[in-house]
C-alpha atoms as a PDB file:
ATOM      1  CA  UNK A   1      -0.007  -0.023  -0.001  1.00  0.00           C
ATOM      2  CA  UNK A   2       2.830   2.410   0.805  1.00  0.00           C
ATOM      3  CA  UNK A   3       4.407   1.947  -2.628  1.00  0.00           C
ATOM      4  CA  UNK A   4       1.076   2.419  -4.283  1.00  0.00           C
ATOM      5  CA  UNK A   5       0.539   5.698  -2.339  1.00  0.00           C
ATOM      6  CA  UNK A   6       4.098   6.816  -3.140  1.00  0.00           C
ATOM      7  CA  UNK A   7       3.403   6.291  -6.829  1.00  0.00           C
ATOM      8  CA  UNK A   8       0.140   8.205  -6.607  1.00  0.00           C
ATOM      9  CA  UNK A   9       1.802  11.187  -4.793  1.00  0.00           C
ATOM     10  CA  UNK A  10       5.060  11.198  -6.808  1.00  0.00           C
ATOM     11  CA  UNK A  11       5.671  14.703  -8.044  1.00  0.00           C
ATOM     12  CA  UNK A  12       2.463  16.049  -6.540  1.00  0.00           C
ATOM     13  CA  UNK A  13       2.491  19.280  -4.648  1.00  0.00           C
ATOM     14  CA  UNK A  14       0.335  19.883  -1.623  1.00  0.00           C
ATOM     15  CA  UNK A  15      -0.592  23.214  -0.066  1.00  0.00           C
ATOM     16  CA  UNK A  16      -2.005  23.666   3.466  1.00  0.00           C
ATOM     17  CA  UNK A  17      -4.229  26.706   3.888  1.00  0.00           C
ATOM     18  CA  UNK A  18      -3.994  27.181   7.627  1.00  0.00           C
ATOM     19  CA  UNK A  19      -1.116  25.466   9.470  1.00  0.00           C
ATOM     20  CA  UNK A  20      -2.661  24.444  12.721  1.00  0.00           C
ATOM     21  CA  UNK A  21      -2.513  21.133  14.616  1.00  0.00           C
ATOM     22  CA  UNK A  22      -4.273  19.016  11.897  1.00  0.00           C
ATOM     23  CA  UNK A  23      -2.265  20.463   9.080  1.00  0.00           C
ATOM     24  CA  UNK A  24       0.880  19.578  10.925  1.00  0.00           C
ATOM     25  CA  UNK A  25      -0.462  16.116  11.585  1.00  0.00           C
ATOM     26  CA  UNK A  26      -1.112  15.494   7.906  1.00  0.00           C
ATOM     27  CA  UNK A  27       2.209  16.909   6.820  1.00  0.00           C
ATOM     28  CA  UNK A  28       4.098  14.972   9.491  1.00  0.00           C
ATOM     29  CA  UNK A  29       2.315  11.738   8.556  1.00  0.00           C
ATOM     30  CA  UNK A  30       3.173  12.140   4.871  1.00  0.00           C
ATOM     31  CA  UNK A  31       6.822  12.896   5.573  1.00  0.00           C
ATOM     32  CA  UNK A  32       7.100  10.105   8.188  1.00  0.00           C
ATOM     33  CA  UNK A  33       5.702   7.567   5.718  1.00  0.00           C
ATOM     34  CA  UNK A  34       8.058   8.920   3.027  1.00  0.00           C
ATOM     35  CA  UNK A  35       5.075   9.480   0.686  1.00  0.00           C
ATOM     36  CA  UNK A  36       6.368  12.987  -0.187  1.00  0.00           C
ATOM     37  CA  UNK A  37       9.497  15.090   0.232  1.00  0.00           C
ATOM     38  CA  UNK A  38       9.432  18.310   2.165  1.00  0.00           C
ATOM     39  CA  UNK A  39       9.828  20.370  -1.049  1.00  0.00           C
ATOM     40  CA  UNK A  40       6.434  19.036  -2.217  1.00  0.00           C
ATOM     41  CA  UNK A  41       4.664  20.757   0.705  1.00  0.00           C
ATOM     42  CA  UNK A  42       3.786  24.422   1.165  1.00  0.00           C
ATOM     43  CA  UNK A  43       1.794  26.145   3.832  1.00  0.00           C
ATOM     44  CA  UNK A  44      -0.209  29.343   4.022  1.00  0.00           C
ATOM     45  CA  UNK A  45      -0.185  30.780   7.579  1.00  0.00           C
ATOM     46  CA  UNK A  46      -0.687  34.437   8.670  1.00  0.00           C
ATOM     47  CA  UNK A  47       1.019  33.940  12.078  1.00  0.00           C
ATOM     48  CA  UNK A  48       4.768  34.637  11.793  1.00  0.00           C
ATOM     49  CA  UNK A  49       5.674  32.679  14.889  1.00  0.00           C
ATOM     50  CA  UNK A  50       3.765  29.661  13.652  1.00  0.00           C
ATOM     51  CA  UNK A  51       5.399  29.876  10.237  1.00  0.00           C
ATOM     52  CA  UNK A  52       8.822  29.860  11.730  1.00  0.00           C
ATOM     53  CA  UNK A  53       7.972  27.026  14.111  1.00  0.00           C
ATOM     54  CA  UNK A  54       6.561  24.717  11.477  1.00  0.00           C
ATOM     55  CA  UNK A  55       9.200  25.514   8.897  1.00  0.00           C
ATOM     56  CA  UNK A  56      11.896  24.661  11.408  1.00  0.00           C
ATOM     57  CA  UNK A  57      10.213  21.508  12.615  1.00  0.00           C
ATOM     58  CA  UNK A  58       9.229  20.044   9.244  1.00  0.00           C
ATOM     59  CA  UNK A  59      11.503  21.790   6.804  1.00  0.00           C
ATOM     60  CA  UNK A  60       8.679  22.929   4.561  1.00  0.00           C
ATOM     61  CA  UNK A  61       8.022  26.300   2.954  1.00  0.00           C
ATOM     62  CA  UNK A  62       5.426  28.438   4.806  1.00  0.00           C
ATOM     63  CA  UNK A  63       4.243  31.785   3.344  1.00  0.00           C
ATOM     64  CA  UNK A  64       1.871  34.383   4.754  1.00  0.00           C
ATOM     65  CA  UNK A  65      -0.258  34.611   1.559  1.00  0.00           C
ATOM     66  CA  UNK A  66      -2.817  31.908   0.924  1.00  0.00           C
ATOM     67  CA  UNK A  67      -2.978  32.526  -2.803  1.00  0.00           C
ATOM     68  CA  UNK A  68       0.742  32.170  -3.103  1.00  0.00           C
ATOM     69  CA  UNK A  69       0.652  28.934  -1.073  1.00  0.00           C
ATOM     70  CA  UNK A  70      -2.065  27.378  -3.307  1.00  0.00           C
ATOM     71  CA  UNK A  71      -0.663  28.574  -6.619  1.00  0.00           C
ATOM     72  CA  UNK A  72       1.341  25.501  -7.792  1.00  0.00           C
ATOM     73  CA  UNK A  73      -0.412  22.838  -5.705  1.00  0.00           C
ATOM     74  CA  UNK A  74      -2.121  19.748  -7.065  1.00  0.00           C
ATOM     75  CA  UNK A  75      -3.970  19.305  -3.785  1.00  0.00           C
ATOM     76  CA  UNK A  76      -5.092  22.298  -1.677  1.00  0.00           C
ATOM     77  CA  UNK A  77      -5.918  21.352   1.892  1.00  0.00           C
ATOM     78  CA  UNK A  78      -8.288  23.704   3.717  1.00  0.00           C
ATOM     79  CA  UNK A  79      -7.177  23.275   7.367  1.00  0.00           C
ATOM     80  CA  UNK A  80      -8.502  26.497   8.817  1.00  0.00           C
ATOM     81  CA  UNK A  81     -11.033  27.173  11.580  1.00  0.00           C
ATOM     82  CA  UNK A  82     -14.663  27.393  10.534  1.00  0.00           C
ATOM     83  CA  UNK A  83     -14.824  31.052  11.665  1.00  0.00           C
ATOM     84  CA  UNK A  84     -12.233  32.078   9.032  1.00  0.00           C
ATOM     85  CA  UNK A  85     -13.676  30.071   6.144  1.00  0.00           C
ATOM     86  CA  UNK A  86     -15.603  32.953   4.464  1.00  0.00           C
ATOM     87  CA  UNK A  87     -12.513  35.158   4.481  1.00  0.00           C
ATOM     88  CA  UNK A  88     -10.306  32.465   2.994  1.00  0.00           C
ATOM     89  CA  UNK A  89     -12.897  31.565   0.316  1.00  0.00           C
ATOM     90  CA  UNK A  90     -12.982  35.181  -0.774  1.00  0.00           C
ATOM     91  CA  UNK A  91      -9.176  35.208  -1.022  1.00  0.00           C
ATOM     92  CA  UNK A  92      -9.104  31.999  -3.164  1.00  0.00           C
ATOM     93  CA  UNK A  93     -12.269  32.602  -5.205  1.00  0.00           C
ATOM     94  CA  UNK A  94     -11.394  32.353  -8.914  1.00  0.00           C
ATOM     95  CA  UNK A  95      -7.720  31.759  -8.067  1.00  0.00           C
ATOM     96  CA  UNK A  96      -7.639  28.010  -8.390  1.00  0.00           C
ATOM     97  CA  UNK A  97      -6.560  26.179 -11.575  1.00  0.00           C
ATOM     98  CA  UNK A  98      -8.938  23.705 -13.244  1.00  0.00           C
ATOM     99  CA  UNK A  99      -6.845  20.674 -12.223  1.00  0.00           C
ATOM    100  CA  UNK A 100      -6.471  21.581  -8.555  1.00  0.00           C
ATOM    101  CA  UNK A 101      -8.351  19.445  -6.010  1.00  0.00           C
ATOM    102  CA  UNK A 102      -9.458  21.076  -2.775  1.00  0.00           C
ATOM    103  CA  UNK A 103      -9.583  18.868   0.315  1.00  0.00           C
ATOM    104  CA  UNK A 104     -11.479  20.365   3.267  1.00  0.00           C
ATOM    105  CA  UNK A 105     -11.130  19.129   6.847  1.00  0.00           C
ATOM    106  CA  UNK A 106     -13.384  21.984   8.156  1.00  0.00           C
ATOM    107  CA  UNK A 107     -16.225  20.707  10.397  1.00  0.00           C
ATOM    108  CA  UNK A 108     -19.638  21.380   8.884  1.00  0.00           C
ATOM    109  CA  UNK A 109     -18.486  23.071   5.679  1.00  0.00           C
ATOM    110  CA  UNK A 110     -20.678  21.559   2.945  1.00  0.00           C
ATOM    111  CA  UNK A 111     -19.519  20.801  -0.561  1.00  0.00           C
ATOM    112  CA  UNK A 112     -22.128  23.258  -1.926  1.00  0.00           C
ATOM    113  CA  UNK A 113     -20.864  26.021   0.293  1.00  0.00           C
ATOM    114  CA  UNK A 114     -17.204  25.321  -0.604  1.00  0.00           C
ATOM    115  CA  UNK A 115     -17.703  25.049  -4.321  1.00  0.00           C
ATOM    116  CA  UNK A 116     -19.813  28.206  -4.398  1.00  0.00           C
ATOM    117  CA  UNK A 117     -17.463  30.148  -2.129  1.00  0.00           C
ATOM    118  CA  UNK A 118     -14.335  29.086  -4.000  1.00  0.00           C
ATOM    119  CA  UNK A 119     -15.832  29.208  -7.424  1.00  0.00           C
ATOM    120  CA  UNK A 120     -14.312  25.797  -8.015  1.00  0.00           C
ATOM    121  CA  UNK A 121     -15.979  22.378  -8.572  1.00  0.00           C
ATOM    122  CA  UNK A 122     -13.174  19.947  -7.488  1.00  0.00           C
ATOM    123  CA  UNK A 123     -13.884  19.754  -3.780  1.00  0.00           C
ATOM    124  CA  UNK A 124     -13.530  16.866  -1.326  1.00  0.00           C
ATOM    125  CA  UNK A 125     -15.031  17.090   2.126  1.00  0.00           C
ATOM    126  CA  UNK A 126     -13.511  15.115   4.949  1.00  0.00           C
ATOM    127  CA  UNK A 127     -13.550  14.726   8.707  1.00  0.00           C
ATOM    128  CA  UNK A 128     -10.387  13.352  10.441  1.00  0.00           C
ATOM    129  CA  UNK A 129      -9.865  13.107  14.195  1.00  0.00           C
ATOM    130  CA  UNK A 130      -7.022  13.893  16.553  1.00  0.00           C
ATOM    131  CA  UNK A 131      -5.419  10.424  16.740  1.00  0.00           C
ATOM    132  CA  UNK A 132      -4.306  11.176  13.166  1.00  0.00           C
ATOM    133  CA  UNK A 133      -1.412  12.925  14.861  1.00  0.00           C
ATOM    134  CA  UNK A 134       0.085   9.538  15.759  1.00  0.00           C
ATOM    135  CA  UNK A 135      -1.039   7.565  12.731  1.00  0.00           C
ATOM    136  CA  UNK A 136      -4.164   6.091  14.309  1.00  0.00           C
ATOM    137  CA  UNK A 137      -6.698   8.455  12.859  1.00  0.00           C
ATOM    138  CA  UNK A 138     -10.151   7.740  11.441  1.00  0.00           C
ATOM    139  CA  UNK A 139     -11.167   9.907   8.466  1.00  0.00           C
ATOM    140  CA  UNK A 140     -14.451   9.849   6.584  1.00  0.00           C
ATOM    141  CA  UNK A 141     -14.545  11.675   3.206  1.00  0.00           C
ATOM    142  CA  UNK A 142     -16.813  12.392   0.261  1.00  0.00           C
ATOM    143  CA  UNK A 143     -15.966  13.917  -3.128  1.00  0.00           C
ATOM    144  CA  UNK A 144     -17.977  16.296  -5.198  1.00  0.00           C
ATOM    145  CA  UNK A 145     -19.221  14.782  -8.499  1.00  0.00           C
ATOM    146  CA  UNK A 146     -16.587  16.689 -10.556  1.00  0.00           C
ATOM    147  CA  UNK A 147     -13.609  14.960  -8.776  1.00  0.00           C
ATOM    148  CA  UNK A 148     -12.365  12.157 -10.912  1.00  0.00           C
ATOM    149  CA  UNK A 149     -10.882   8.858  -9.792  1.00  0.00           C
ATOM    150  CA  UNK A 150      -7.269  10.178 -10.075  1.00  0.00           C
ATOM    151  CA  UNK A 151      -8.220  13.002  -7.726  1.00  0.00           C
ATOM    152  CA  UNK A 152      -9.935  10.622  -5.341  1.00  0.00           C
ATOM    153  CA  UNK A 153      -6.897   8.324  -5.356  1.00  0.00           C
ATOM    154  CA  UNK A 154      -4.699  11.283  -4.424  1.00  0.00           C
ATOM    155  CA  UNK A 155      -6.987  12.197  -1.552  1.00  0.00           C
ATOM    156  CA  UNK A 156      -7.183   8.621  -0.344  1.00  0.00           C
ATOM    157  CA  UNK A 157      -3.384   8.337  -0.327  1.00  0.00           C
ATOM    158  CA  UNK A 158      -3.035  11.477   1.752  1.00  0.00           C
ATOM    159  CA  UNK A 159      -5.738  10.573   4.264  1.00  0.00           C
ATOM    160  CA  UNK A 160      -4.544   6.995   4.751  1.00  0.00           C
ATOM    161  CA  UNK A 161      -1.149   8.344   5.801  1.00  0.00           C
ATOM    162  CA  UNK A 162      -2.926   9.337   9.059  1.00  0.00           C
ATOM    163  CA  UNK A 163      -4.615   6.001   9.699  1.00  0.00           C
ATOM    164  CA  UNK A 164      -7.825   4.579   8.254  1.00  0.00           C
ATOM    165  CA  UNK A 165      -9.981   6.456   5.697  1.00  0.00           C
ATOM    166  CA  UNK A 166     -13.452   5.582   4.528  1.00  0.00           C
ATOM    167  CA  UNK A 167     -15.121   7.041   1.444  1.00  0.00           C
ATOM    168  CA  UNK A 168     -18.858   7.551   1.817  1.00  0.00           C
ATOM    169  CA  UNK A 169     -21.450   8.093  -0.894  1.00  0.00           C
ATOM    170  CA  UNK A 170     -23.784  10.305   1.114  1.00  0.00           C
ATOM    171  CA  UNK A 171     -22.412  13.714   2.147  1.00  0.00           C
ATOM    172  CA  UNK A 172     -24.613  13.716   5.280  1.00  0.00           C
ATOM    173  CA  UNK A 173     -22.437  10.917   6.558  1.00  0.00           C
ATOM    174  CA  UNK A 174     -19.690  13.468   7.049  1.00  0.00           C
ATOM    175  CA  UNK A 175     -21.760  15.291   9.637  1.00  0.00           C
ATOM    176  CA  UNK A 176     -22.624  11.979  11.260  1.00  0.00           C
ATOM    177  CA  UNK A 177     -18.944  11.096  11.300  1.00  0.00           C
ATOM    178  CA  UNK A 178     -18.117  14.487  12.737  1.00  0.00           C
ATOM    179  CA  UNK A 179     -20.401  13.633  15.710  1.00  0.00           C
ATOM    180  CA  UNK A 180     -19.179  10.052  16.109  1.00  0.00           C
ATOM    181  CA  UNK A 181     -15.501   9.659  15.188  1.00  0.00           C
ATOM    182  CA  UNK A 182     -14.519  13.354  14.735  1.00  0.00           C
ATOM    183  CA  UNK A 183     -15.723  14.315  18.162  1.00  0.00           C
ATOM    184  CA  UNK A 184     -15.372  10.775  19.469  1.00  0.00           C
ATOM    185  CA  UNK A 185     -11.932  11.187  21.134  1.00  0.00           C
ATOM    186  CA  UNK A 186     -13.443  13.877  23.436  1.00  0.00           C
ATOM    187  CA  UNK A 187     -15.962  11.314  24.667  1.00  0.00           C
ATOM    188  CA  UNK A 188     -13.236   8.782  25.341  1.00  0.00           C
ATOM    189  CA  UNK A 189     -11.063  11.314  27.106  1.00  0.00           C
ATOM    190  CA  UNK A 190     -13.951  12.341  29.319  1.00  0.00           C
ATOM    191  CA  UNK A 191     -14.590   8.677  30.301  1.00  0.00           C
ATOM    192  CA  UNK A 192     -10.848   8.232  30.935  1.00  0.00           C
ATOM    193  CA  UNK A 193     -10.824  11.323  33.130  1.00  0.00           C
ATOM    194  CA  UNK A 194     -13.816  10.079  35.112  1.00  0.00           C
ATOM    195  CA  UNK A 195     -12.263   6.644  35.685  1.00  0.00           C
ATOM    196  CA  UNK A 196      -8.919   8.133  36.774  1.00  0.00           C
ATOM    197  CA  UNK A 197     -10.701  10.481  39.256  1.00  0.00           C
ATOM    198  CA  UNK A 198     -12.712   7.510  40.559  1.00  0.00           C
ATOM    199  CA  UNK A 199      -9.426   5.606  41.082  1.00  0.00           C
ATOM    200  CA  UNK A 200      -7.966   8.516  42.965  1.00  0.00           C
ATOM    201  CA  UNK A 201     -11.113   8.704  45.083  1.00  0.00           C
ATOM    202  CA  UNK A 202     -10.645   5.051  45.879  1.00  0.00           C
ATOM    203  CA  UNK A 203      -7.175   5.781  47.157  1.00  0.00           C
ATOM    204  CA  UNK A 204      -4.749   5.224  44.263  1.00  0.00           C
ATOM    205  CA  UNK A 205      -2.019   7.767  43.580  1.00  0.00           C
ATOM    206  CA  UNK A 206      -3.012   9.641  40.371  1.00  0.00           C
ATOM    207  CA  UNK A 207      -0.041   8.255  38.411  1.00  0.00           C
ATOM    208  CA  UNK A 208      -1.030   4.716  39.164  1.00  0.00           C
ATOM    209  CA  UNK A 209      -4.721   5.406  38.455  1.00  0.00           C
ATOM    210  CA  UNK A 210      -3.750   6.852  35.068  1.00  0.00           C
ATOM    211  CA  UNK A 211      -1.590   3.864  34.230  1.00  0.00           C
ATOM    212  CA  UNK A 212      -4.389   1.452  35.123  1.00  0.00           C
ATOM    213  CA  UNK A 213      -6.955   3.348  33.081  1.00  0.00           C
ATOM    214  CA  UNK A 214      -4.761   3.974  29.959  1.00  0.00           C
ATOM    215  CA  UNK A 215      -3.710   0.309  29.691  1.00  0.00           C
ATOM    216  CA  UNK A 216      -7.223  -0.957  30.407  1.00  0.00           C
ATOM    217  CA  UNK A 217      -8.766   1.300  27.751  1.00  0.00           C
ATOM    218  CA  UNK A 218      -6.059   0.354  25.193  1.00  0.00           C
ATOM    219  CA  UNK A 219      -6.314  -3.379  25.927  1.00  0.00           C
ATOM    220  CA  UNK A 220     -10.149  -3.371  25.788  1.00  0.00           C
ATOM    221  CA  UNK A 221     -10.167  -1.668  22.374  1.00  0.00           C
ATOM    222  CA  UNK A 222      -7.506  -3.898  20.868  1.00  0.00           C
ATOM    223  CA  UNK A 223      -9.185  -6.977  22.321  1.00  0.00           C
ATOM    224  CA  UNK A 224     -12.627  -5.958  20.989  1.00  0.00           C
ATOM    225  CA  UNK A 225     -11.212  -5.258  17.522  1.00  0.00           C
ATOM    226  CA  UNK A 226      -9.266  -8.487  17.326  1.00  0.00           C
ATOM    227  CA  UNK A 227     -12.057 -10.697  18.714  1.00  0.00           C
ATOM    228  CA  UNK A 228     -14.591  -9.442  16.136  1.00  0.00           C
ATOM    229  CA  UNK A 229     -17.320  -9.969  18.756  1.00  0.00           C
ATOM    230  CA  UNK A 230     -20.117  -7.521  19.405  1.00  0.00           C
ATOM    231  CA  UNK A 231     -19.399  -5.235  22.404  1.00  0.00           C
ATOM    232  CA  UNK A 232     -22.513  -6.582  24.118  1.00  0.00           C
ATOM    233  CA  UNK A 233     -21.134 -10.121  23.828  1.00  0.00           C
ATOM    234  CA  UNK A 234     -17.785  -8.995  25.253  1.00  0.00           C
ATOM    235  CA  UNK A 235     -19.543  -7.225  28.097  1.00  0.00           C
ATOM    236  CA  UNK A 236     -21.521 -10.309  28.921  1.00  0.00           C
ATOM    237  CA  UNK A 237     -18.377 -12.405  28.943  1.00  0.00           C
ATOM    238  CA  UNK A 238     -16.921 -10.338  31.795  1.00  0.00           C
ATOM    239  CA  UNK A 239     -20.133  -9.827  33.756  1.00  0.00           C
ATOM    240  CA  UNK A 240     -20.581 -12.580  36.406  1.00  0.00           C
ATOM    241  CA  UNK A 241     -24.041 -12.697  37.960  1.00  0.00           C
ATOM    242  CA  UNK A 242     -23.882 -10.993  41.321  1.00  0.00           C
ATOM    243  CA  UNK A 243     -20.303  -9.918  40.649  1.00  0.00           C
ATOM    244  CA  UNK A 244     -18.439  -6.587  40.649  1.00  0.00           C
ATOM    245  CA  UNK A 245     -19.078  -5.892  36.963  1.00  0.00           C
ATOM    246  CA  UNK A 246     -22.805  -6.533  37.364  1.00  0.00           C
ATOM    247  CA  UNK A 247     -22.997  -4.108  40.304  1.00  0.00           C
ATOM    248  CA  UNK A 248     -21.095  -1.417  38.395  1.00  0.00           C
ATOM    249  CA  UNK A 249     -23.065  -1.802  35.173  1.00  0.00           C
ATOM    250  CA  UNK A 250     -26.317  -1.620  37.109  1.00  0.00           C
ATOM    251  CA  UNK A 251     -25.407   1.798  38.412  1.00  0.00           C
ATOM    252  CA  UNK A 252     -24.233   3.020  34.975  1.00  0.00           C
ATOM    253  CA  UNK A 253     -27.449   1.898  33.318  1.00  0.00           C
ATOM    254  CA  UNK A 254     -29.485   3.333  36.176  1.00  0.00           C
ATOM    255  CA  UNK A 255     -27.712   6.607  35.648  1.00  0.00           C
ATOM    256  CA  UNK A 256     -28.640   6.703  31.957  1.00  0.00           C
ATOM    257  CA  UNK A 257     -25.136   6.403  30.541  1.00  0.00           C
ATOM    258  CA  UNK A 258     -26.330   5.173  27.117  1.00  0.00           C
ATOM    259  CA  UNK A 259     -28.904   7.901  26.886  1.00  0.00           C
ATOM    260  CA  UNK A 260     -26.465  10.663  27.839  1.00  0.00           C
ATOM    261  CA  UNK A 261     -23.899   9.443  25.231  1.00  0.00           C
ATOM    262  CA  UNK A 262     -26.549   9.271  22.513  1.00  0.00           C
ATOM    263  CA  UNK A 263     -27.735  12.771  23.346  1.00  0.00           C
ATOM    264  CA  UNK A 264     -24.148  14.045  23.209  1.00  0.00           C
ATOM    265  CA  UNK A 265     -23.579  12.505  19.778  1.00  0.00           C
ATOM    266  CA  UNK A 266     -26.848  14.002  18.453  1.00  0.00           C
ATOM    267  CA  UNK A 267     -25.933  17.412  19.876  1.00  0.00           C
ATOM    268  CA  UNK A 268     -22.606  17.253  18.002  1.00  0.00           C
ATOM    269  CA  UNK A 269     -24.414  16.223  14.800  1.00  0.00           C
ATOM    270  CA  UNK A 270     -26.839  19.161  15.011  1.00  0.00           C
ATOM    271  CA  UNK A 271     -23.903  21.552  15.725  1.00  0.00           C
ATOM    272  CA  UNK A 272     -22.011  20.260  12.708  1.00  0.00           C
ATOM    273  CA  UNK A 273     -25.019  21.038  10.512  1.00  0.00           C
ATOM    274  CA  UNK A 274     -25.307  24.506  12.044  1.00  0.00           C
ATOM    275  CA  UNK A 275     -21.647  25.165  11.354  1.00  0.00           C
ATOM    276  CA  UNK A 276     -22.213  24.039   7.754  1.00  0.00           C
ATOM    277  CA  UNK A 277     -24.859  26.725   7.346  1.00  0.00           C
ATOM    278  CA  UNK A 278     -22.583  29.350   8.845  1.00  0.00           C
ATOM    279  CA  UNK A 279     -24.932  29.751  11.797  1.00  0.00           C
ATOM    280  CA  UNK A 280     -23.910  30.918  15.213  1.00  0.00           C
ATOM    281  CA  UNK A 281     -26.166  29.680  18.040  1.00  0.00           C
ATOM    282  CA  UNK A 282     -26.376  30.666  21.632  1.00  0.00           C
ATOM    283  CA  UNK A 283     -24.966  28.194  24.078  1.00  0.00           C
ATOM    284  CA  UNK A 284     -27.517  26.514  26.363  1.00  0.00           C
ATOM    285  CA  UNK A 285     -27.742  27.992  29.870  1.00  0.00           C
END
C-alpha cells in the first residue's frame, strides 16, 4: 500500500491553507511515511511565529499569503477554523486552476458552500480526528461529482497516511462522522478522566490510576477489535451474575449512561449542521 501511495503522490505538490494542529499532523504523517518530500509541501499561515515554528520542525516552505501557497499545488488542503472560512474563500475565489483538487477538513463546511465560495468544482469534504497525529486516525470523506478517480486516489493516499480512511457516498455521513468519530476522542477522554478520578477517590495515587486506566482502555479496544465480537457479547463475557461488573453496570445503566452518550452525539451532529450553514447559536444556559 505504501508503494502504491508513493506512486500516486510522486511529483504532486500539496498546499495547506492554515497550518494548525491538523495540518501539521497530515504533513508529518506524509513525511514520516516517506510518501512525499518536504519540497512538495507548502503552507499558508498568517502567524509569523507559527510559520517559523513549522518551517523549522518540518523543513517545509510556509508563506503568509494563501494565494501564493495554493498557486502551484495539485492538492489544496483547507485546514482552517470554521470562523475564518468565508475570508479564505474570498481570497481564493477564482484563483484555483482547473486541475487543482481542494480537500477540506473543516467541520460542517458543505460541498455546496465550498464550491460556491471558492468558485471551483473539485472539492472533497472530509472529517479526520485527533489520533491522526500519531497515525491512528479515522477519517471519513466524500468527493464532489466533478472529482475524478485520479483526484480521489490522491486524496485517499493522503488521508490513509494518518490512519484509516473511509469514502462515503452520502455527504450527510460526514456530519454523522463528525459527531461520532471526529468528536469521539473527546468522549473517550472524558470517560478516561472520570475513571482516573474514581481511582484517585478510591485511594490510588494519580499516576497509578492513570496507568491502570490507559492500559485498560487500550487493551479493551484492541481485544474488541481483534475478537470481532459484538461489544454486548464481550460485556456479557466479563459480567458474572452478582459480581463486581454486574454491580457497576447496574449503576451505569440506572444513571442513563447510554442515553447521555446518545444525546451528546446527536448534539454534536446538530452543531455540525449549524456550522455548515454558517450559523452561530447561543450556548444553552
